[in-house]
Protein backbone atom coordinates (compact mmCIF):
# COMPACT_ATOMS: atom_id res chain seq x y z
CA MET A 1 9.94 39.14 33.08
CA ALA A 2 10.50 42.75 32.00
CA SER A 3 7.85 42.47 29.28
CA PHE A 4 5.36 41.04 31.80
CA SER A 5 5.98 43.96 34.18
CA LEU A 6 5.53 46.42 31.31
CA ILE A 7 2.22 44.82 30.31
CA ALA A 8 1.01 44.79 33.92
CA PHE A 9 1.90 48.45 34.35
CA PHE A 10 0.18 49.34 31.06
CA LEU A 11 -3.01 47.46 32.01
CA SER A 12 -3.17 48.99 35.49
CA GLY A 13 -2.67 52.42 33.97
CA LEU A 14 -5.38 51.77 31.38
CA ILE A 15 -7.83 50.65 34.08
CA PHE A 16 -6.97 53.72 36.12
CA PHE A 17 -7.64 56.16 33.27
CA LEU A 18 -10.83 54.36 32.17
CA THR A 19 -12.33 54.27 35.67
CA ARG A 20 -11.28 57.63 37.09
CA LYS A 21 -13.95 60.26 37.48
CA PRO A 22 -14.06 63.41 35.33
CA ILE A 23 -12.29 66.32 37.00
CA ARG A 24 -15.53 68.22 37.57
CA ASN A 25 -16.92 65.28 39.62
CA ARG A 26 -13.86 64.68 41.75
CA PRO A 27 -14.12 65.62 45.43
CA ASN A 28 -11.79 68.28 46.81
CA LEU A 29 -9.87 65.89 49.05
CA PRO A 30 -7.16 66.90 51.53
CA PRO A 31 -3.73 66.90 49.83
CA GLY A 32 -1.48 63.88 49.92
CA PRO A 33 1.30 62.02 48.14
CA PRO A 34 0.44 60.96 44.57
CA GLY A 35 -0.06 57.21 44.35
CA TRP A 36 0.23 54.46 41.78
CA PRO A 37 -2.76 53.16 39.83
CA LEU A 38 -4.78 50.60 41.81
CA VAL A 39 -2.34 50.26 44.74
CA GLY A 40 -2.26 53.93 45.69
CA ASN A 41 0.42 54.67 48.29
CA LEU A 42 0.92 51.08 49.47
CA PHE A 43 4.27 50.67 47.69
CA GLN A 44 5.50 54.03 48.98
CA VAL A 45 4.78 52.99 52.56
CA ALA A 46 6.55 49.67 52.02
CA LEU A 47 9.54 51.19 50.21
CA SER A 48 10.05 53.76 52.95
CA LYS A 49 11.06 50.84 55.23
CA LYS A 50 9.76 52.84 58.16
CA PRO A 51 7.11 51.99 60.73
CA PHE A 52 3.77 53.37 59.61
CA PHE A 53 3.87 55.84 62.52
CA GLU A 54 7.10 57.38 61.17
CA TYR A 55 5.80 57.43 57.59
CA ILE A 56 2.79 59.39 58.83
CA GLU A 57 5.11 61.85 60.60
CA ASP A 58 6.97 62.41 57.32
CA GLN A 59 3.74 63.14 55.44
CA ARG A 60 2.58 65.55 58.16
CA ARG A 61 5.70 67.64 57.64
CA ILE A 62 4.94 67.87 53.93
CA TYR A 63 1.14 68.11 53.74
CA GLY A 64 0.11 69.47 57.12
CA PRO A 65 -2.40 68.38 59.77
CA ILE A 66 -4.89 66.76 57.39
CA PHE A 67 -3.92 64.69 54.35
CA THR A 68 -5.09 61.79 52.22
CA LEU A 69 -3.52 58.39 51.57
CA LYS A 70 -4.81 55.75 49.17
CA MET A 71 -4.12 52.29 50.59
CA GLY A 72 -5.13 50.05 47.70
CA PRO A 73 -8.87 50.59 47.18
CA THR A 74 -9.25 52.28 50.57
CA ARG A 75 -9.19 56.05 50.93
CA MET A 76 -7.73 57.18 54.25
CA VAL A 77 -7.75 60.71 55.64
CA VAL A 78 -5.28 61.30 58.49
CA VAL A 79 -6.07 64.05 61.01
CA SER A 80 -3.49 65.31 63.52
CA ASP A 81 -4.68 68.74 64.66
CA SER A 82 -6.53 69.25 67.95
CA ASN A 83 -9.04 71.74 66.53
CA LEU A 84 -9.85 69.49 63.58
CA VAL A 85 -10.29 66.50 65.90
CA HIS A 86 -12.70 68.53 68.04
CA GLU A 87 -14.61 69.65 64.96
CA ALA A 88 -14.89 66.10 63.64
CA LEU A 89 -15.56 64.05 66.77
CA ILE A 90 -17.38 66.56 68.97
CA LYS A 91 -19.07 69.16 66.75
CA LYS A 92 -19.80 66.68 63.94
CA GLY A 93 -19.77 63.61 66.17
CA VAL A 94 -22.72 61.82 64.57
CA VAL A 95 -21.23 62.07 61.08
CA PHE A 96 -17.79 60.78 62.15
CA ALA A 97 -19.09 58.06 64.51
CA ASP A 98 -19.14 55.16 62.06
CA ARG A 99 -16.67 52.30 61.59
CA PRO A 100 -15.34 51.05 58.23
CA ARG A 101 -17.78 48.66 56.59
CA GLU A 102 -15.18 46.31 55.13
CA ASN A 103 -12.32 44.98 57.24
CA PRO A 104 -11.92 41.20 56.82
CA THR A 105 -9.69 40.67 59.86
CA ARG A 106 -11.91 42.68 62.16
CA ILE A 107 -15.01 40.94 60.82
CA ILE A 108 -13.50 37.51 61.63
CA PHE A 109 -12.49 38.44 65.17
CA SER A 110 -15.62 40.43 66.02
CA SER A 111 -18.32 38.06 64.72
CA ASN A 112 -19.13 40.33 61.78
CA LYS A 113 -18.64 43.52 63.82
CA PHE A 114 -20.76 42.34 66.75
CA SER A 115 -18.84 44.22 69.42
CA VAL A 116 -18.99 47.67 70.98
CA ASN A 117 -15.78 48.87 69.32
CA ALA A 118 -16.30 47.32 65.88
CA ALA A 119 -20.05 47.76 65.33
CA VAL A 120 -21.13 50.29 62.73
CA TYR A 121 -22.93 53.33 64.12
CA GLY A 122 -26.59 52.53 64.63
CA PRO A 123 -29.09 50.63 66.79
CA ILE A 124 -26.95 47.49 67.27
CA TRP A 125 -23.99 49.57 68.49
CA ARG A 126 -26.26 51.56 70.81
CA SER A 127 -27.73 48.37 72.29
CA LEU A 128 -24.32 46.78 72.87
CA ARG A 129 -22.80 49.91 74.38
CA ARG A 130 -25.79 50.61 76.61
CA ASN A 131 -25.75 47.07 77.98
CA MET A 132 -22.01 47.14 78.73
CA VAL A 133 -22.06 50.59 80.33
CA GLU A 134 -25.21 50.13 82.41
CA ASN A 135 -24.28 46.68 83.69
CA MET A 136 -20.49 46.86 84.01
CA LEU A 137 -18.90 50.26 83.44
CA SER A 138 -21.08 52.89 85.10
CA SER A 139 -19.50 54.58 88.13
CA GLY A 140 -21.85 52.68 90.43
CA LYS A 141 -21.00 49.32 88.88
CA VAL A 142 -17.27 50.03 88.99
CA LYS A 143 -17.56 50.67 92.73
CA GLU A 144 -19.46 47.40 93.21
CA PHE A 145 -16.34 45.48 92.15
CA ARG A 146 -14.12 47.11 94.73
CA ASP A 147 -13.68 43.83 96.65
CA VAL A 148 -12.46 42.14 93.47
CA ARG A 149 -9.80 44.81 92.98
CA GLU A 150 -8.68 44.65 96.60
CA LYS A 151 -8.21 40.90 96.36
CA ALA A 152 -6.35 41.32 93.07
CA MET A 153 -4.03 43.92 94.62
CA GLU A 154 -3.11 41.52 97.43
CA LYS A 155 -2.32 38.77 94.93
CA PHE A 156 -0.36 41.24 92.81
CA VAL A 157 1.82 42.45 95.70
CA LYS A 158 2.49 38.86 96.79
CA ARG A 159 3.55 37.91 93.25
CA LEU A 160 5.98 40.83 93.15
CA ARG A 161 7.41 39.91 96.57
CA HIS A 162 7.92 36.27 95.61
CA GLU A 163 9.50 37.14 92.27
CA ALA A 164 11.82 39.64 93.95
CA GLU A 165 12.84 37.08 96.58
CA ASP A 166 13.64 34.52 93.88
CA ASN A 167 15.55 36.97 91.61
CA ASN A 168 17.62 39.15 93.93
CA GLY A 169 15.04 41.92 93.86
CA VAL A 170 14.51 41.95 90.08
CA VAL A 171 10.92 41.84 88.77
CA SER A 172 9.20 42.02 85.40
CA VAL A 173 6.68 44.85 85.34
CA LEU A 174 4.40 44.22 82.35
CA LYS A 175 3.98 40.49 82.96
CA ASN A 176 2.86 40.99 86.56
CA VAL A 177 0.66 44.00 85.85
CA ARG A 178 -1.02 42.25 82.94
CA PHE A 179 -1.72 39.21 85.11
CA ALA A 180 -3.26 41.37 87.84
CA VAL A 181 -5.48 43.36 85.48
CA PHE A 182 -6.53 40.22 83.61
CA TRP A 183 -7.44 38.57 86.91
CA ILE A 184 -9.66 41.54 87.77
CA MET A 185 -11.38 41.53 84.38
CA LEU A 186 -11.70 37.75 84.43
CA THR A 187 -13.30 37.73 87.86
CA ILE A 188 -15.70 40.49 86.88
CA GLU A 189 -16.64 38.74 83.67
CA ARG A 190 -16.34 35.20 85.03
CA ASN A 191 -15.11 33.74 81.77
CA ARG A 192 -11.81 32.59 80.32
CA ALA A 193 -10.74 33.31 76.75
CA THR A 194 -7.64 32.45 74.73
CA LEU A 195 -6.09 34.55 71.99
CA VAL A 196 -6.85 32.15 69.16
CA ARG A 197 -10.38 32.46 67.86
CA LYS A 198 -11.11 28.76 67.45
CA LYS A 199 -9.83 28.04 70.94
CA GLN A 200 -11.84 30.95 72.26
CA VAL A 201 -15.10 29.58 70.94
CA GLU A 202 -14.48 25.96 71.96
CA PHE A 203 -13.27 26.85 75.43
CA VAL A 204 -15.48 29.79 76.34
CA VAL A 205 -18.72 28.25 75.08
CA GLU A 206 -18.29 25.43 77.60
CA LEU A 207 -17.85 28.01 80.36
CA ILE A 208 -20.87 29.92 79.07
CA ASN A 209 -22.90 26.73 79.35
CA ARG A 210 -21.48 26.12 82.81
CA ARG A 211 -22.60 29.58 83.87
CA ARG A 212 -26.07 28.92 82.45
CA ARG A 213 -26.30 25.73 84.51
CA ALA A 214 -25.15 27.58 87.63
CA LEU A 215 -27.88 30.19 87.20
CA GLU A 216 -30.52 27.53 86.65
CA ASN A 217 -29.27 25.41 89.55
CA PRO A 218 -27.04 27.37 91.97
CA ALA A 219 -26.05 24.19 93.81
CA SER A 220 -24.30 22.85 90.69
CA ASP A 221 -21.32 25.23 91.04
CA GLY A 222 -20.20 26.17 94.52
CA ASP A 223 -17.58 28.59 93.15
CA ALA A 224 -20.01 30.66 91.08
CA THR A 225 -20.20 34.40 91.84
CA PRO A 226 -23.59 36.08 92.34
CA PHE A 227 -23.23 38.32 89.26
CA SER A 228 -21.12 38.64 86.11
CA TYR A 229 -21.08 40.55 82.82
CA LEU A 230 -22.04 37.33 81.06
CA ASP A 231 -25.31 37.19 83.01
CA THR A 232 -26.41 40.44 81.35
CA LEU A 233 -25.94 38.91 77.91
CA PHE A 234 -28.04 35.73 78.23
CA ASP A 235 -31.38 37.53 78.02
CA PHE A 236 -30.06 40.63 76.26
CA ARG A 237 -32.19 41.57 73.24
CA ILE A 238 -30.39 43.40 70.43
CA ASP A 239 -32.14 46.23 68.61
CA GLY A 240 -31.56 46.73 64.91
CA ARG A 241 -31.16 43.16 63.68
CA SER A 242 -31.94 42.65 59.99
CA GLY A 243 -35.43 41.33 59.45
CA GLY A 244 -36.93 43.53 62.15
CA GLY A 245 -37.56 42.94 65.81
CA ASN A 246 -35.09 42.02 68.53
CA SER A 247 -33.03 38.87 68.96
CA SER A 248 -30.56 37.37 71.37
CA ALA A 249 -26.85 36.82 70.77
CA THR A 250 -25.43 33.58 69.37
CA GLU A 251 -22.81 31.65 71.32
CA GLU A 252 -19.99 33.01 69.14
CA GLU A 253 -21.30 36.54 69.59
CA LEU A 254 -21.29 35.99 73.37
CA VAL A 255 -17.63 34.98 73.08
CA THR A 256 -16.90 38.13 71.07
CA LEU A 257 -18.49 40.44 73.64
CA CYS A 258 -16.77 38.72 76.57
CA SER A 259 -13.40 38.73 74.81
CA GLU A 260 -13.76 42.42 73.98
CA PHE A 261 -14.35 43.16 77.66
CA LEU A 262 -11.33 41.07 78.70
CA ASN A 263 -8.78 42.08 76.08
CA GLY A 264 -9.72 45.74 75.87
CA GLY A 265 -9.52 46.15 79.63
CA THR A 266 -6.23 44.31 80.06
CA ASP A 267 -3.67 45.36 77.45
CA THR A 268 -4.26 49.11 77.45
CA THR A 269 -4.22 49.38 81.25
CA ALA A 270 -1.13 47.19 81.65
CA THR A 271 0.72 49.13 78.95
CA VAL A 272 0.00 52.49 80.58
CA ILE A 273 1.23 51.22 83.95
CA GLU A 274 4.46 49.89 82.43
CA TRP A 275 5.20 53.25 80.78
CA GLY A 276 4.27 54.99 84.02
CA MET A 277 6.67 52.90 86.09
CA ALA A 278 9.41 53.48 83.51
CA GLU A 279 8.98 57.24 83.90
CA LEU A 280 8.95 57.00 87.70
CA ILE A 281 12.15 54.94 87.71
CA ALA A 282 13.78 57.48 85.41
CA ASN A 283 12.48 60.38 87.54
CA GLU A 284 13.25 59.48 91.16
CA GLU A 285 12.06 62.82 92.53
CA ILE A 286 8.59 62.32 91.05
CA GLN A 287 8.47 58.83 92.56
CA ARG A 288 9.45 60.29 95.95
CA LYS A 289 6.70 62.93 95.76
CA ILE A 290 4.02 60.31 95.13
CA VAL A 291 5.23 58.25 98.10
CA GLU A 292 5.08 61.34 100.31
CA GLU A 293 1.54 62.06 99.13
CA ILE A 294 0.54 58.47 99.92
CA LYS A 295 1.93 58.78 103.46
CA GLU A 296 0.17 62.09 104.02
CA THR A 297 -3.12 60.65 102.77
CA VAL A 298 -3.29 57.19 104.39
CA GLY A 299 -0.52 57.06 106.97
CA GLU A 300 0.50 53.44 107.59
CA ARG A 301 -2.58 51.67 106.25
CA LYS A 302 -2.93 50.31 102.72
CA VAL A 303 -4.14 52.57 99.95
CA GLU A 304 -7.80 52.07 99.04
CA GLU A 305 -9.80 53.28 96.06
CA GLU A 306 -11.32 56.24 97.88
CA ASP A 307 -7.84 57.42 98.83
CA VAL A 308 -6.58 57.94 95.28
CA GLU A 309 -9.38 60.44 94.69
CA LYS A 310 -7.59 62.69 97.22
CA MET A 311 -4.12 62.23 95.71
CA VAL A 312 -3.90 65.19 93.36
CA TYR A 313 -0.23 64.70 92.52
CA LEU A 314 -0.77 61.02 91.63
CA GLN A 315 -3.64 62.07 89.37
CA SER A 316 -1.34 64.59 87.67
CA VAL A 317 1.28 61.87 87.12
CA VAL A 318 -1.27 59.51 85.55
CA LYS A 319 -2.55 62.25 83.25
CA GLU A 320 1.01 63.04 82.18
CA VAL A 321 1.68 59.35 81.44
CA LEU A 322 -1.44 59.24 79.27
CA ARG A 323 -0.40 62.43 77.47
CA LYS A 324 3.13 61.31 76.70
CA HIS A 325 2.44 57.58 76.26
CA PRO A 326 -1.07 57.02 74.83
CA PRO A 327 -1.81 53.27 74.57
CA THR A 328 -1.99 53.48 70.76
CA PHE A 329 -0.74 55.84 68.05
CA PHE A 330 -4.14 55.93 66.34
CA ALA A 331 -7.69 55.95 67.64
CA LEU A 332 -9.75 53.06 66.28
CA THR A 333 -10.55 53.87 62.66
CA HIS A 334 -13.57 56.10 62.14
CA SER A 335 -15.71 56.41 59.03
CA VAL A 336 -18.25 59.02 57.98
CA THR A 337 -21.93 58.20 57.72
CA GLU A 338 -22.47 60.79 54.98
CA ALA A 339 -20.44 63.14 52.81
CA THR A 340 -19.15 66.05 54.84
CA LYS A 341 -16.40 68.66 55.02
CA LEU A 342 -13.44 69.09 57.34
CA ALA A 343 -10.99 72.00 57.17
CA GLY A 344 -12.73 73.03 53.93
CA TYR A 345 -12.00 69.69 52.24
CA ASP A 346 -14.52 67.10 51.05
CA ILE A 347 -14.74 63.89 53.07
CA PRO A 348 -16.80 61.47 50.95
CA LYS A 349 -19.14 58.94 52.55
CA ASP A 350 -17.42 55.76 53.86
CA THR A 351 -13.98 57.41 53.88
CA ASN A 352 -11.72 55.97 56.59
CA VAL A 353 -10.57 58.67 59.00
CA GLU A 354 -7.51 58.10 61.21
CA PHE A 355 -6.75 60.33 64.19
CA PHE A 356 -3.02 60.48 64.94
CA LEU A 357 -2.65 60.79 68.72
CA PRO A 358 1.06 61.58 69.37
CA ALA A 359 0.85 64.69 67.20
CA ILE A 360 -1.79 66.08 69.55
CA GLY A 361 -0.39 64.99 72.91
CA ARG A 362 3.07 66.31 71.97
CA ASP A 363 2.08 69.36 69.94
CA PRO A 364 4.44 72.23 70.91
CA LYS A 365 1.64 74.69 70.07
CA LEU A 366 -0.45 73.11 72.84
CA TRP A 367 2.17 72.05 75.39
CA LYS A 368 5.25 73.58 76.96
CA ASN A 369 8.22 71.18 76.69
CA PRO A 370 5.98 68.44 75.22
CA ASP A 371 8.72 65.77 75.15
CA LYS A 372 9.51 66.21 78.85
CA PHE A 373 7.73 64.12 81.48
CA GLU A 374 6.44 66.86 83.75
CA PRO A 375 3.40 66.13 85.96
CA GLU A 376 3.74 69.60 87.49
CA ARG A 377 2.15 71.01 84.32
CA PHE A 378 -1.16 69.60 85.61
CA TYR A 379 -0.47 69.76 89.35
CA SER A 380 0.27 73.48 89.27
CA GLY A 381 -2.75 74.22 87.10
CA MET A 382 -0.58 75.90 84.44
CA GLU A 383 -1.83 73.41 81.84
CA GLU A 384 -4.98 71.33 81.74
CA ALA A 385 -6.71 68.86 79.48
CA ASP A 386 -10.24 67.49 79.35
CA ILE A 387 -9.58 63.80 78.74
CA THR A 388 -13.10 63.39 77.29
CA GLY A 389 -12.44 66.14 74.72
CA VAL A 390 -15.79 67.87 75.23
CA SER A 391 -14.31 71.27 76.11
CA GLY A 392 -11.36 70.87 73.72
CA VAL A 393 -8.97 68.17 72.55
CA ARG A 394 -5.39 68.40 73.83
CA MET A 395 -4.92 64.65 74.37
CA MET A 396 -7.14 61.67 73.60
CA PRO A 397 -5.69 58.42 75.01
CA PHE A 398 -9.17 56.84 75.11
CA GLY A 399 -10.59 58.54 72.03
CA VAL A 400 -13.24 61.26 72.27
CA GLY A 401 -16.80 61.78 71.16
CA ARG A 402 -19.47 59.16 70.64
CA ARG A 403 -16.92 56.34 70.20
CA ILE A 404 -14.87 57.21 73.29
CA CYS A 405 -13.74 54.08 75.12
CA PRO A 406 -16.64 53.04 77.40
CA GLY A 407 -14.13 51.57 79.86
CA LEU A 408 -12.36 54.88 80.53
CA GLY A 409 -13.65 55.10 84.11
CA MET A 410 -12.70 51.55 85.04
CA ALA A 411 -9.27 51.83 83.39
CA THR A 412 -8.36 55.00 85.26
CA VAL A 413 -9.41 53.44 88.58
CA HIS A 414 -7.13 50.46 87.89
CA ILE A 415 -4.18 52.63 86.81
CA HIS A 416 -4.33 54.93 89.85
CA LEU A 417 -4.83 52.13 92.35
CA MET A 418 -2.12 49.86 90.97
CA LEU A 419 0.49 52.60 90.74
CA ALA A 420 -0.30 53.72 94.29
CA ARG A 421 0.00 50.20 95.70
CA MET A 422 3.19 49.47 93.74
CA LEU A 423 4.83 52.61 95.10
CA GLN A 424 3.50 52.19 98.63
CA GLU A 425 4.90 48.66 98.89
CA PHE A 426 8.24 49.02 97.06
CA GLU A 427 11.00 51.39 96.11
CA TRP A 428 11.62 51.04 92.36
CA THR A 429 15.02 51.48 90.71
CA ALA A 430 16.53 50.65 87.33
CA TYR A 431 17.87 47.25 86.31
CA PRO A 432 20.74 46.79 85.77
CA PRO A 433 21.54 49.18 88.65
CA SER A 434 22.67 52.67 87.57
CA SER A 435 21.48 52.05 84.00
CA SER A 436 19.17 54.38 82.10
CA VAL A 437 15.64 53.35 81.18
CA ASP A 438 15.30 52.48 77.50
CA PHE A 439 12.16 54.22 76.21
CA SER A 440 12.25 52.55 72.77
CA TRP A 441 8.86 51.26 71.68
CA LYS A 442 7.33 48.67 69.41
CA MET A 443 3.83 48.21 68.08
CA GLU A 444 1.79 45.23 69.23
CA PHE A 445 -1.91 45.44 70.05
CA THR A 446 -0.83 48.55 71.96
CA VAL A 447 2.38 50.60 71.91
CA VAL A 448 4.63 48.70 74.32
CA MET A 449 8.22 49.09 75.45
CA LYS A 450 10.57 47.46 72.94
CA HIS A 451 12.46 45.90 75.84
CA PRO A 452 9.95 44.94 78.55
CA LEU A 453 10.64 46.85 81.73
CA THR A 454 12.50 45.04 84.49
CA ALA A 455 13.27 46.77 87.75
CA VAL A 456 14.85 46.27 91.14
CA VAL A 457 12.32 46.52 93.96
CA GLU A 458 13.01 46.88 97.65
CA PRO A 459 10.18 46.61 100.18
CA ARG A 460 9.56 49.88 101.96
CA VAL A 461 9.87 49.89 105.74
C-alpha cells in the first residue's frame, strides 16, 4: 500500500512538472495557499474539517481580499472587498458577466445551462432574461399580481392561526412562509414542479400540455387563469441557438425555466423572512416600533402593498436583515469572458470568480458595529447602501451588475408585505418562552437557521 502511494505521488508530481508552464508564461495570479499536484487545494479544504465558508475566512486573514484557490483542475479567484467587487461587476461588468462553462451538476439541472441564472453570457441569456423580466418581473407586472398576493396572505394568516390553536400558540416560521411564497409563485406561474428532475419532467410536462389545451380551448379547463409565465414561453423564440436563426424551447427546457422561477423565488424569500423574524423576536423593541408604524400608516385596516412603500422603518429593518443575513454566502459563480486584470493581478479567461458576501456586509471598514442588528443605521440616514451596487457595493444580497437577480423587485415586495402582515396580526415571542434565539446556521440551497425557527404567537387585539 505504501509503495502504491509513493508511485502515485511520484507520477502526479511528474505530470505536474511536465505540464506546468514556463515561469515567463505564467500569469500573475492573486496569491493563495500552495496546492498539491493535480488536486490543488482540495485536500487542504477537506483536511481543515471546516465548512467552506470558514475555510475561506481563514484564507482571507492570510492572503487578503483577493486570493486564488485551485480546486482540482478548476482555478478559483475569491473576491471579498467592496471596491474590487464594484470594479469587477460594475466597471468591468461585461468581462465578469459569464458563467463557468463546465459544471456537470448545473448542466443536468438546467438543461445544459438553459436558464437565466446558468446561461453563459450571450444572446441566449439575453433572450431568456428579457422574456422573464418583461413578462413577469417588471414593476408593472409585479403590480398586476397584487390580487394573488392578497389571497396568499389571507391563506397564510389562516394557516398560522390554525397551527397556533392546535399547538398552544407555537408555530413553525419557515415551513409556513415557504408554503405561502411557493403558493404565490405557483399561482403566478401556474405550474407544479417537484425537486427531483425526473419527476419534474414527467409531472410538469403533463401540466404544460394541459395549459396548452386550455389556451386552445378555454372551455376545457374551468380553473385556468387568464395569464401565466408559461404562456410567454410557448411561442418564445430564442436568439443565439447554434446553427443560426431562432427556435422554440423543448419540453424539458420549459420545465427548467418554470422550475427556476419557482425555486429561485421561494427559498431565498422564505429564508430572509425567517432570519428577519428571528431578529425581531430577539429584539422586542424593534418589533414594537414596526407595529407602531403599521398602526400609524393603516390604522385598523389590513396592510396592503401600497402601504409598505410608506413604512420607512420597516424598509430599514428589511435592508438590515439583508445586510446581516444574505440568502447565500457566495453570489452565483462568475467567469470572465476574456483575460483581464483585477487589483493588478491577472485573471485568465474562463477563471471562476467567487464573490464572498458576508465579508462585505459585515466589513468593519464599511459599517459601524457590523455584527449588531441595528435598523437605525439606515432609518437615521447615518449609513446607506445601494442594493443594486451601481453607486457602490456595501452589500449585495441579490448580486450586482449584469447578473443581478432579476427577481429582486418581486422578492422585496414579498418580504416587506409578509413581515408587515405577520406583525400586524400577531405578537411574536421566543419558544420555549424566555429562551434566547439560536442564530446558528447551516448551508442548504440557501443559508438557513440550523434549528428552524419556532415561535409563540398571540393574536393582536
